[in-house]
Amino acid sequence: MFDKGNRNDTMEAIDHIIPFLKGDADMIGLVCNTLRKLFCMSDEGYETFLMDLEDYKSELEEGE
């Protein structure tokens, strides 16, 4: 949903939604956890993650 083509730009896009989550501690926690995981991930790991995600989405669509 927030993929901007590379890990750093995606983290920046996700970071920009935090002000809109005021009062929703669960969503803020989820967003912060996602940012932490992306920060620790390599650029190559991010590319692999995106490929795996596309495979997963294709499998879901085939199952419908």
N, C-alpha and C. Protein backbone atom coordinates (compact mmCIF):
# COMPACT_ATOMS: atom_id res chain seq x y z
N MET A 1 0.82 -1.19 0.00
CA MET A 1 0.00 0.00 0.00
C MET A 1 0.86 1.27 0.00
N PHE A 2 1.96 1.25 0.74
CA PHE A 2 2.82 2.43 0.83
C PHE A 2 4.11 2.28 0.05
N ASP A 3 4.26 1.20 -0.70
CA ASP A 3 5.50 0.96 -1.43
C ASP A 3 5.77 2.10 -2.40
N LYS A 4 6.95 2.66 -2.29
CA LYS A 4 7.36 3.76 -3.17
C LYS A 4 8.52 3.36 -4.07
N GLY A 5 8.74 2.05 -4.19
CA GLY A 5 9.78 1.58 -5.10
C GLY A 5 11.09 1.22 -4.45
N ASN A 6 11.35 1.79 -3.28
CA ASN A 6 12.56 1.39 -2.54
C ASN A 6 12.29 1.52 -1.04
N ARG A 7 13.14 0.91 -0.27
CA ARG A 7 12.95 0.82 1.17
C ARG A 7 12.91 2.19 1.85
N ASN A 8 13.84 3.05 1.53
CA ASN A 8 13.91 4.36 2.21
C ASN A 8 12.69 5.23 1.91
N ASP A 9 12.28 5.30 0.66
CA ASP A 9 11.12 6.11 0.30
C ASP A 9 9.83 5.53 0.90
N THR A 10 9.77 4.21 0.99
CA THR A 10 8.61 3.57 1.61
C THR A 10 8.55 3.89 3.09
N MET A 11 9.69 3.85 3.77
CA MET A 11 9.72 4.20 5.20
C MET A 11 9.27 5.65 5.39
N GLU A 12 9.70 6.53 4.52
CA GLU A 12 9.31 7.94 4.61
C GLU A 12 7.81 8.10 4.41
N ALA A 13 7.24 7.38 3.45
CA ALA A 13 5.80 7.46 3.19
C ALA A 13 5.01 6.95 4.40
N ILE A 14 5.47 5.87 4.99
CA ILE A 14 4.79 5.32 6.17
C ILE A 14 4.91 6.28 7.34
N ASP A 15 6.07 6.88 7.50
CA ASP A 15 6.30 7.82 8.60
C ASP A 15 5.35 9.02 8.52
N HIS A 16 5.00 9.42 7.32
CA HIS A 16 4.13 10.59 7.14
C HIS A 16 2.69 10.36 7.60
N ILE A 17 2.27 9.10 7.77
CA ILE A 17 0.89 8.85 8.20
C ILE A 17 0.72 8.89 9.71
N ILE A 18 1.81 8.87 10.46
CA ILE A 18 1.73 8.82 11.92
C ILE A 18 0.88 9.96 12.49
N PRO A 19 1.01 11.21 12.03
CA PRO A 19 0.17 12.28 12.61
C PRO A 19 -1.34 12.04 12.44
N PHE A 20 -1.72 11.26 11.45
CA PHE A 20 -3.14 10.98 11.21
C PHE A 20 -3.69 9.87 12.11
N LEU A 21 -2.81 9.24 12.88
CA LEU A 21 -3.21 8.12 13.73
C LEU A 21 -3.40 8.52 15.19
N LYS A 22 -3.55 9.80 15.46
CA LYS A 22 -3.71 10.29 16.83
C LYS A 22 -4.78 9.50 17.57
N GLY A 23 -4.43 9.03 18.74
CA GLY A 23 -5.39 8.33 19.58
C GLY A 23 -5.56 6.86 19.29
N ASP A 24 -4.93 6.35 18.24
CA ASP A 24 -5.06 4.93 17.90
C ASP A 24 -3.73 4.24 18.21
N ALA A 25 -3.58 3.87 19.48
CA ALA A 25 -2.33 3.30 19.95
C ALA A 25 -1.97 2.00 19.22
N ASP A 26 -2.98 1.20 18.90
CA ASP A 26 -2.70 -0.06 18.20
C ASP A 26 -2.10 0.19 16.82
N MET A 27 -2.68 1.13 16.08
CA MET A 27 -2.17 1.42 14.74
C MET A 27 -0.79 2.08 14.81
N ILE A 28 -0.60 2.96 15.77
CA ILE A 28 0.72 3.60 15.92
C ILE A 28 1.76 2.53 16.22
N GLY A 29 1.43 1.58 17.09
CA GLY A 29 2.34 0.48 17.39
C GLY A 29 2.66 -0.35 16.16
N LEU A 30 1.64 -0.64 15.36
CA LEU A 30 1.83 -1.42 14.14
C LEU A 30 2.73 -0.68 13.15
N VAL A 31 2.48 0.61 12.98
CA VAL A 31 3.27 1.42 12.05
C VAL A 31 4.72 1.51 12.53
N CYS A 32 4.91 1.74 13.81
CA CYS A 32 6.28 1.85 14.35
C CYS A 32 7.02 0.52 14.23
N ASN A 33 6.32 -0.58 14.47
CA ASN A 33 6.94 -1.89 14.32
C ASN A 33 7.33 -2.15 12.86
N THR A 34 6.47 -1.75 11.94
CA THR A 34 6.77 -1.91 10.52
C THR A 34 7.99 -1.07 10.13
N LEU A 35 8.04 0.16 10.61
CA LEU A 35 9.19 1.02 10.32
C LEU A 35 10.48 0.42 10.88
N ARG A 36 10.41 -0.12 12.07
CA ARG A 36 11.58 -0.74 12.71
C ARG A 36 12.07 -1.92 11.86
N LYS A 37 11.14 -2.74 11.39
CA LYS A 37 11.53 -3.89 10.56
C LYS A 37 12.14 -3.44 9.24
N LEU A 38 11.55 -2.42 8.62
CA LEU A 38 12.10 -1.92 7.37
C LEU A 38 13.48 -1.31 7.58
N PHE A 39 13.68 -0.62 8.70
CA PHE A 39 14.97 -0.01 9.01
C PHE A 39 16.05 -1.08 9.13
N CYS A 40 15.71 -2.20 9.74
CA CYS A 40 16.68 -3.29 9.96
C CYS A 40 16.90 -4.15 8.71
N MET A 41 16.02 -4.02 7.75
CA MET A 41 16.08 -4.83 6.54
C MET A 41 17.06 -4.19 5.54
N SER A 42 17.75 -5.03 4.79
CA SER A 42 18.61 -4.51 3.72
C SER A 42 17.75 -4.15 2.50
N ASP A 43 18.33 -3.39 1.59
CA ASP A 43 17.62 -3.07 0.36
C ASP A 43 17.32 -4.34 -0.44
N GLU A 44 18.26 -5.28 -0.44
CA GLU A 44 18.04 -6.54 -1.13
C GLU A 44 16.93 -7.34 -0.46
N GLY A 45 16.90 -7.31 0.87
CA GLY A 45 15.83 -7.99 1.60
C GLY A 45 14.48 -7.39 1.29
N TYR A 46 14.43 -6.09 1.12
CA TYR A 46 13.18 -5.42 0.77
C TYR A 46 12.69 -5.86 -0.60
N GLU A 47 13.61 -5.95 -1.56
CA GLU A 47 13.25 -6.40 -2.90
C GLU A 47 12.71 -7.84 -2.86
N THR A 48 13.34 -8.69 -2.07
CA THR A 48 12.88 -10.07 -1.93
C THR A 48 11.50 -10.10 -1.29
N PHE A 49 11.30 -9.27 -0.27
CA PHE A 49 10.00 -9.18 0.39
C PHE A 49 8.92 -8.78 -0.61
N LEU A 50 9.19 -7.81 -1.47
CA LEU A 50 8.21 -7.37 -2.46
C LEU A 50 7.87 -8.49 -3.43
N MET A 51 8.88 -9.25 -3.85
CA MET A 51 8.61 -10.37 -4.77
C MET A 51 7.76 -11.43 -4.08
N ASP A 52 8.07 -11.73 -2.82
CA ASP A 52 7.27 -12.70 -2.06
C ASP A 52 5.84 -12.21 -1.88
N LEU A 53 5.69 -10.92 -1.63
CA LEU A 53 4.37 -10.34 -1.45
C LEU A 53 3.53 -10.45 -2.73
N GLU A 54 4.16 -10.21 -3.86
CA GLU A 54 3.45 -10.34 -5.14
C GLU A 54 3.00 -11.79 -5.36
N ASP A 55 3.86 -12.74 -5.03
CA ASP A 55 3.49 -14.16 -5.14
C ASP A 55 2.30 -14.47 -4.25
N TYR A 56 2.33 -13.94 -3.02
CA TYR A 56 1.25 -14.17 -2.07
C TYR A 56 -0.06 -13.58 -2.59
N LYS A 57 0.00 -12.35 -3.10
CA LYS A 57 -1.20 -11.71 -3.64
C LYS A 57 -1.77 -12.49 -4.82
N SER A 58 -0.89 -13.01 -5.67
CA SER A 58 -1.34 -13.81 -6.82
C SER A 58 -2.04 -15.08 -6.35
N GLU A 59 -1.49 -15.73 -5.32
CA GLU A 59 -2.11 -16.94 -4.78
C GLU A 59 -3.50 -16.64 -4.21
N LEU A 60 -3.64 -15.51 -3.54
CA LEU A 60 -4.93 -15.13 -2.99
C LEU A 60 -5.95 -14.90 -4.09
N GLU A 61 -5.53 -14.23 -5.15
CA GLU A 61 -6.44 -13.95 -6.27
C GLU A 61 -6.86 -15.24 -6.98
N GLU A 62 -5.94 -16.20 -7.09
CA GLU A 62 -6.26 -17.47 -7.73
C GLU A 62 -7.25 -18.28 -6.90
N GLY A 63 -7.19 -18.11 -5.58
CA GLY A 63 -8.07 -18.84 -4.68
C GLY A 63 -9.50 -18.34 -4.65
N GLU A 64 -9.75 -17.16 -5.19
CA GLU A 64 -11.09 -16.57 -5.16
C GLU A 64 -11.98 -17.13 -6.23
